[in-house]
């Protein structure tokens, strides 16, 4: 069974955007494995609470993610 797990900052995507992630991910698996994969493809979109994750030892918050990168 194909499985994809997306972890996103809480309350940053609409229900429609989460539906798009699920639909497009399923379609990608179908393109790769064929139509037989559709019925068994599981896509999980998990919302992570603000400050509940980090990268490189730094805690990430929504405010920090929205800051300009300085490029």
PDB file of N, CA and C in Angstrom:
ATOM      1  N   UNK A   1       0.839  -1.167   0.000  1.00  0.00           N
ATOM      2  CA  UNK A   1       0.000   0.000   0.000  1.00  0.00           C
ATOM      3  C   UNK A   1       0.894   1.243   0.000  1.00  0.00           C
ATOM      4  N   UNK A   2       0.776   2.099  -1.015  1.00  0.00           N
ATOM      5  CA  UNK A   2       1.511   3.363  -1.010  1.00  0.00           C
ATOM      6  C   UNK A   2       1.025   4.256   0.134  1.00  0.00           C
ATOM      7  N   UNK A   3       1.954   4.946   0.782  1.00  0.00           N
ATOM      8  CA  UNK A   3       1.624   5.795   1.918  1.00  0.00           C
ATOM      9  C   UNK A   3       2.464   7.060   1.877  1.00  0.00           C
ATOM     10  N   UNK A   4       1.824   8.207   2.059  1.00  0.00           N
ATOM     11  CA  UNK A   4       2.533   9.488   2.139  1.00  0.00           C
ATOM     12  C   UNK A   4       2.044  10.224   3.374  1.00  0.00           C
ATOM     13  N   UNK A   5       2.973  10.831   4.104  1.00  0.00           N
ATOM     14  CA  UNK A   5       2.643  11.562   5.324  1.00  0.00           C
ATOM     15  C   UNK A   5       3.201  12.971   5.209  1.00  0.00           C
ATOM     16  N   UNK A   6       2.313  13.947   5.152  1.00  0.00           N
ATOM     17  CA  UNK A   6       2.703  15.351   5.076  1.00  0.00           C
ATOM     18  C   UNK A   6       2.476  15.993   6.437  1.00  0.00           C
ATOM     19  N   UNK A   7       3.496  16.626   6.972  1.00  0.00           N
ATOM     20  CA  UNK A   7       3.372  17.362   8.229  1.00  0.00           C
ATOM     21  C   UNK A   7       3.473  18.841   7.890  1.00  0.00           C
ATOM     22  N   UNK A   8       2.437  19.590   8.290  1.00  0.00           N
ATOM     23  CA  UNK A   8       2.366  20.998   7.933  1.00  0.00           C
ATOM     24  C   UNK A   8       2.127  21.830   9.188  1.00  0.00           C
ATOM     25  N   UNK A   9       2.536  23.090   9.186  1.00  0.00           N
ATOM     26  CA  UNK A   9       2.209  23.948  10.326  1.00  0.00           C
ATOM     27  C   UNK A   9       0.690  24.078  10.462  1.00  0.00           C
ATOM     28  N   UNK A  10       0.201  23.984  11.672  1.00  0.00           N
ATOM     29  CA  UNK A  10      -1.236  24.046  11.924  1.00  0.00           C
ATOM     30  C   UNK A  10      -1.846  25.335  11.397  1.00  0.00           C
ATOM     31  N   UNK A  11      -3.014  25.206  10.814  1.00  0.00           N
ATOM     32  CA  UNK A  11      -3.837  26.316  10.332  1.00  0.00           C
ATOM     33  C   UNK A  11      -3.167  27.156   9.238  1.00  0.00           C
ATOM     34  N   UNK A  12      -2.307  26.520   8.428  1.00  0.00           N
ATOM     35  CA  UNK A  12      -1.681  27.247   7.321  1.00  0.00           C
ATOM     36  C   UNK A  12      -2.275  26.881   5.964  1.00  0.00           C
ATOM     37  N   UNK A  13      -3.043  25.802   5.911  1.00  0.00           N
ATOM     38  CA  UNK A  13      -3.681  25.395   4.669  1.00  0.00           C
ATOM     39  C   UNK A  13      -5.184  25.314   4.860  1.00  0.00           C
ATOM     40  N   UNK A  14      -5.908  25.614   3.804  1.00  0.00           N
ATOM     41  CA  UNK A  14      -7.355  25.466   3.837  1.00  0.00           C
ATOM     42  C   UNK A  14      -7.715  23.992   3.638  1.00  0.00           C
ATOM     43  N   UNK A  15      -8.969  23.670   3.899  1.00  0.00           N
ATOM     44  CA  UNK A  15      -9.439  22.306   3.648  1.00  0.00           C
ATOM     45  C   UNK A  15      -9.272  21.950   2.173  1.00  0.00           C
ATOM     46  N   UNK A  16      -9.511  22.917   1.286  1.00  0.00           N
ATOM     47  CA  UNK A  16      -9.355  22.683  -0.146  1.00  0.00           C
ATOM     48  C   UNK A  16      -7.897  22.390  -0.490  1.00  0.00           C
ATOM     49  N   UNK A  17      -6.952  23.095   0.100  1.00  0.00           N
ATOM     50  CA  UNK A  17      -5.540  22.843  -0.177  1.00  0.00           C
ATOM     51  C   UNK A  17      -5.115  21.467   0.327  1.00  0.00           C
ATOM     52  N   UNK A  18      -5.616  21.068   1.489  1.00  0.00           N
ATOM     53  CA  UNK A  18      -5.307  19.725   1.991  1.00  0.00           C
ATOM     54  C   UNK A  18      -5.896  18.663   1.061  1.00  0.00           C
ATOM     55  N   UNK A  19      -7.096  18.924   0.555  1.00  0.00           N
ATOM     56  CA  UNK A  19      -7.708  18.004  -0.406  1.00  0.00           C
ATOM     57  C   UNK A  19      -6.856  17.891  -1.668  1.00  0.00           C
ATOM     58  N   UNK A  20      -6.294  19.005  -2.119  1.00  0.00           N
ATOM     59  CA  UNK A  20      -5.419  18.983  -3.298  1.00  0.00           C
ATOM     60  C   UNK A  20      -4.183  18.134  -3.047  1.00  0.00           C
ATOM     61  N   UNK A  21      -3.592  18.243  -1.867  1.00  0.00           N
ATOM     62  CA  UNK A  21      -2.424  17.421  -1.531  1.00  0.00           C
ATOM     63  C   UNK A  21      -2.794  15.950  -1.620  1.00  0.00           C
ATOM     64  N   UNK A  22      -3.932  15.594  -1.051  1.00  0.00           N
ATOM     65  CA  UNK A  22      -4.366  14.195  -1.058  1.00  0.00           C
ATOM     66  C   UNK A  22      -4.634  13.710  -2.480  1.00  0.00           C
ATOM     67  N   UNK A  23      -5.369  14.502  -3.248  1.00  0.00           N
ATOM     68  CA  UNK A  23      -5.719  14.118  -4.616  1.00  0.00           C
ATOM     69  C   UNK A  23      -4.484  14.009  -5.506  1.00  0.00           C
ATOM     70  N   UNK A  24      -3.634  15.005  -5.469  1.00  0.00           N
ATOM     71  CA  UNK A  24      -2.449  14.999  -6.345  1.00  0.00           C
ATOM     72  C   UNK A  24      -1.452  13.918  -5.958  1.00  0.00           C
ATOM     73  N   UNK A  25      -1.311  13.671  -4.668  1.00  0.00           N
ATOM     74  CA  UNK A  25      -0.408  12.605  -4.237  1.00  0.00           C
ATOM     75  C   UNK A  25      -0.930  11.251  -4.700  1.00  0.00           C
ATOM     76  N   UNK A  26      -2.234  11.045  -4.564  1.00  0.00           N
ATOM     77  CA  UNK A  26      -2.830   9.797  -5.043  1.00  0.00           C
ATOM     78  C   UNK A  26      -2.610   9.638  -6.541  1.00  0.00           C
ATOM     79  N   UNK A  27      -2.831  10.721  -7.301  1.00  0.00           N
ATOM     80  CA  UNK A  27      -2.624  10.663  -8.753  1.00  0.00           C
ATOM     81  C   UNK A  27      -1.171  10.345  -9.099  1.00  0.00           C
ATOM     82  N   UNK A  28      -0.227  10.881  -8.338  1.00  0.00           N
ATOM     83  CA  UNK A  28       1.190  10.584  -8.583  1.00  0.00           C
ATOM     84  C   UNK A  28       1.467   9.095  -8.392  1.00  0.00           C
ATOM     85  N   UNK A  29       0.960   8.523  -7.301  1.00  0.00           N
ATOM     86  CA  UNK A  29       1.146   7.091  -7.083  1.00  0.00           C
ATOM     87  C   UNK A  29       0.497   6.272  -8.195  1.00  0.00           C
ATOM     88  N   UNK A  30      -0.672   6.692  -8.665  1.00  0.00           N
ATOM     89  CA  UNK A  30      -1.338   5.983  -9.760  1.00  0.00           C
ATOM     90  C   UNK A  30      -0.492   6.064 -11.029  1.00  0.00           C
ATOM     91  N   UNK A  31       0.107   7.216 -11.302  1.00  0.00           N
ATOM     92  CA  UNK A  31       0.992   7.340 -12.470  1.00  0.00           C
ATOM     93  C   UNK A  31       2.162   6.369 -12.379  1.00  0.00           C
ATOM     94  N   UNK A  32       2.695   6.198 -11.193  1.00  0.00           N
ATOM     95  CA  UNK A  32       3.872   5.344 -11.007  1.00  0.00           C
ATOM     96  C   UNK A  32       3.509   3.864 -10.963  1.00  0.00           C
ATOM     97  N   UNK A  33       2.489   3.508 -10.165  1.00  0.00           N
ATOM     98  CA  UNK A  33       2.160   2.106  -9.922  1.00  0.00           C
ATOM     99  C   UNK A  33       0.997   1.573 -10.746  1.00  0.00           C
ATOM    100  N   UNK A  34       0.285   2.479 -11.402  1.00  0.00           N
ATOM    101  CA  UNK A  34      -0.871   2.056 -12.166  1.00  0.00           C
ATOM    102  C   UNK A  34      -2.150   2.210 -11.359  1.00  0.00           C
ATOM    103  N   UNK A  35      -3.252   2.055 -12.045  1.00  0.00           N
ATOM    104  CA  UNK A  35      -4.577   2.281 -11.458  1.00  0.00           C
ATOM    105  C   UNK A  35      -4.837   1.411 -10.227  1.00  0.00           C
ATOM    106  N   UNK A  36      -4.194   0.272 -10.162  1.00  0.00           N
ATOM    107  CA  UNK A  36      -4.413  -0.621  -9.020  1.00  0.00           C
ATOM    108  C   UNK A  36      -4.025   0.031  -7.690  1.00  0.00           C
ATOM    109  N   UNK A  37      -3.175   1.058  -7.728  1.00  0.00           N
ATOM    110  CA  UNK A  37      -2.726   1.722  -6.500  1.00  0.00           C
ATOM    111  C   UNK A  37      -3.772   2.659  -5.910  1.00  0.00           C
ATOM    112  N   UNK A  38      -4.713   3.123  -6.718  1.00  0.00           N
ATOM    113  CA  UNK A  38      -5.677   4.129  -6.248  1.00  0.00           C
ATOM    114  C   UNK A  38      -6.423   3.676  -4.982  1.00  0.00           C
ATOM    115  N   UNK A  39      -6.932   2.487  -4.993  1.00  0.00           N
ATOM    116  CA  UNK A  39      -7.766   2.013  -3.896  1.00  0.00           C
ATOM    117  C   UNK A  39      -6.993   1.799  -2.597  1.00  0.00           C
ATOM    118  N   UNK A  40      -5.681   1.658  -2.682  1.00  0.00           N
ATOM    119  CA  UNK A  40      -4.901   1.368  -1.475  1.00  0.00           C
ATOM    120  C   UNK A  40      -3.959   2.496  -1.071  1.00  0.00           C
ATOM    121  N   UNK A  41      -3.971   3.584  -1.808  1.00  0.00           N
ATOM    122  CA  UNK A  41      -3.080   4.700  -1.478  1.00  0.00           C
ATOM    123  C   UNK A  41      -3.621   5.455  -0.275  1.00  0.00           C
ATOM    124  N   UNK A  42      -2.765   5.626   0.737  1.00  0.00           N
ATOM    125  CA  UNK A  42      -3.141   6.367   1.937  1.00  0.00           C
ATOM    126  C   UNK A  42      -2.306   7.636   2.007  1.00  0.00           C
ATOM    127  N   UNK A  43      -2.967   8.771   2.169  1.00  0.00           N
ATOM    128  CA  UNK A  43      -2.287  10.056   2.302  1.00  0.00           C
ATOM    129  C   UNK A  43      -2.754  10.679   3.616  1.00  0.00           C
ATOM    130  N   UNK A  44      -1.800  11.021   4.461  1.00  0.00           N
ATOM    131  CA  UNK A  44      -2.104  11.594   5.761  1.00  0.00           C
ATOM    132  C   UNK A  44      -1.531  13.007   5.812  1.00  0.00           C
ATOM    133  N   UNK A  45      -2.384  13.987   6.069  1.00  0.00           N
ATOM    134  CA  UNK A  45      -1.949  15.377   6.232  1.00  0.00           C
ATOM    135  C   UNK A  45      -2.105  15.702   7.713  1.00  0.00           C
ATOM    136  N   UNK A  46      -0.964  15.862   8.392  1.00  0.00           N
ATOM    137  CA  UNK A  46      -0.972  16.131   9.822  1.00  0.00           C
ATOM    138  C   UNK A  46      -0.595  17.578  10.093  1.00  0.00           C
ATOM    139  N   UNK A  47      -1.378  18.239  10.919  1.00  0.00           N
ATOM    140  CA  UNK A  47      -1.066  19.595  11.320  1.00  0.00           C
ATOM    141  C   UNK A  47      -0.247  19.552  12.615  1.00  0.00           C
ATOM    142  N   UNK A  48       0.881  20.236  12.600  1.00  0.00           N
ATOM    143  CA  UNK A  48       1.765  20.289  13.758  1.00  0.00           C
ATOM    144  C   UNK A  48       1.543  21.624  14.466  1.00  0.00           C
ATOM    145  N   UNK A  49       1.379  21.572  15.780  1.00  0.00           N
ATOM    146  CA  UNK A  49       1.142  22.784  16.563  1.00  0.00           C
ATOM    147  C   UNK A  49       2.306  23.759  16.414  1.00  0.00           C
ATOM    148  N   UNK A  50       1.986  25.050  16.449  1.00  0.00           N
ATOM    149  CA  UNK A  50       3.009  26.083  16.336  1.00  0.00           C
ATOM    150  C   UNK A  50       4.088  25.859  17.390  1.00  0.00           C
ATOM    151  N   UNK A  51       5.334  25.855  16.954  1.00  0.00           N
ATOM    152  CA  UNK A  51       6.453  25.623  17.854  1.00  0.00           C
ATOM    153  C   UNK A  51       6.704  24.163  18.160  1.00  0.00           C
ATOM    154  N   UNK A  52       5.951  23.264  17.520  1.00  0.00           N
ATOM    155  CA  UNK A  52       6.070  21.837  17.796  1.00  0.00           C
ATOM    156  C   UNK A  52       7.022  21.103  16.869  1.00  0.00           C
ATOM    157  N   UNK A  53       7.874  21.838  16.169  1.00  0.00           N
ATOM    158  CA  UNK A  53       8.840  21.194  15.278  1.00  0.00           C
ATOM    159  C   UNK A  53      10.029  22.104  15.080  1.00  0.00           C
ATOM    160  N   UNK A  54      11.072  21.576  14.493  1.00  0.00           N
ATOM    161  CA  UNK A  54      12.269  22.376  14.277  1.00  0.00           C
ATOM    162  C   UNK A  54      13.157  21.769  13.212  1.00  0.00           C
ATOM    163  N   UNK A  55      14.120  22.564  12.801  1.00  0.00           N
ATOM    164  CA  UNK A  55      15.109  22.134  11.812  1.00  0.00           C
ATOM    165  C   UNK A  55      16.476  22.580  12.313  1.00  0.00           C
ATOM    166  N   UNK A  56      17.435  21.693  12.271  1.00  0.00           N
ATOM    167  CA  UNK A  56      18.796  22.042  12.663  1.00  0.00           C
ATOM    168  C   UNK A  56      18.922  22.491  14.106  1.00  0.00           C
ATOM    169  N   UNK A  57      18.052  21.975  14.969  1.00  0.00           N
ATOM    170  CA  UNK A  57      18.089  22.329  16.376  1.00  0.00           C
ATOM    171  C   UNK A  57      17.354  23.607  16.720  1.00  0.00           C
ATOM    172  N   UNK A  58      16.776  24.279  15.724  1.00  0.00           N
ATOM    173  CA  UNK A  58      16.031  25.508  15.950  1.00  0.00           C
ATOM    174  C   UNK A  58      14.538  25.226  15.914  1.00  0.00           C
ATOM    175  N   UNK A  59      13.820  25.718  16.921  1.00  0.00           N
ATOM    176  CA  UNK A  59      12.367  25.574  16.963  1.00  0.00           C
ATOM    177  C   UNK A  59      11.760  26.518  15.928  1.00  0.00           C
ATOM    178  N   UNK A  60      10.845  25.987  15.138  1.00  0.00           N
ATOM    179  CA  UNK A  60      10.182  26.793  14.126  1.00  0.00           C
ATOM    180  C   UNK A  60       8.791  27.196  14.592  1.00  0.00           C
ATOM    181  N   UNK A  61       8.457  28.436  14.347  1.00  0.00           N
ATOM    182  CA  UNK A  61       7.121  28.940  14.615  1.00  0.00           C
ATOM    183  C   UNK A  61       6.593  29.538  13.321  1.00  0.00           C
ATOM    184  N   UNK A  62       5.294  29.739  13.259  1.00  0.00           N
ATOM    185  CA  UNK A  62       4.692  30.329  12.072  1.00  0.00           C
ATOM    186  C   UNK A  62       5.266  31.725  11.830  1.00  0.00           C
ATOM    187  N   UNK A  63       5.441  32.491  12.881  1.00  0.00           N
ATOM    188  CA  UNK A  63       6.009  33.842  12.727  1.00  0.00           C
ATOM    189  C   UNK A  63       7.411  33.771  12.127  1.00  0.00           C
ATOM    190  N   UNK A  64       8.203  32.821  12.553  1.00  0.00           N
ATOM    191  CA  UNK A  64       9.563  32.683  12.011  1.00  0.00           C
ATOM    192  C   UNK A  64       9.537  32.242  10.557  1.00  0.00           C
ATOM    193  N   UNK A  65       8.618  31.340  10.214  1.00  0.00           N
ATOM    194  CA  UNK A  65       8.528  30.881   8.831  1.00  0.00           C
ATOM    195  C   UNK A  65       8.096  31.995   7.884  1.00  0.00           C
ATOM    196  N   UNK A  66       7.352  32.973   8.389  1.00  0.00           N
ATOM    197  CA  UNK A  66       6.866  34.055   7.558  1.00  0.00           C
ATOM    198  C   UNK A  66       7.860  35.206   7.411  1.00  0.00           C
ATOM    199  N   UNK A  67       8.975  35.147   8.134  1.00  0.00           N
ATOM    200  CA  UNK A  67       9.983  36.197   8.024  1.00  0.00           C
ATOM    201  C   UNK A  67      10.673  36.125   6.671  1.00  0.00           C
ATOM    202  N   UNK A  68      11.044  37.296   6.115  1.00  0.00           N
ATOM    203  CA  UNK A  68      11.806  37.287   4.850  1.00  0.00           C
ATOM    204  C   UNK A  68      13.127  36.532   5.042  1.00  0.00           C
ATOM    205  N   UNK A  69      13.564  35.859   3.971  1.00  0.00           N
ATOM    206  CA  UNK A  69      14.779  35.059   4.054  1.00  0.00           C
ATOM    207  C   UNK A  69      16.036  35.884   3.864  1.00  0.00           C
ATOM    208  N   UNK A  70      15.923  37.088   3.368  1.00  0.00           N
ATOM    209  CA  UNK A  70      17.095  37.928   3.180  1.00  0.00           C
ATOM    210  C   UNK A  70      17.849  37.622   1.897  1.00  0.00           C
ATOM    211  N   UNK A  71      17.206  36.961   0.946  1.00  0.00           N
ATOM    212  CA  UNK A  71      17.873  36.626  -0.327  1.00  0.00           C
ATOM    213  C   UNK A  71      18.105  37.853  -1.146  1.00  0.00           C
TER     214      UNK A  71
END
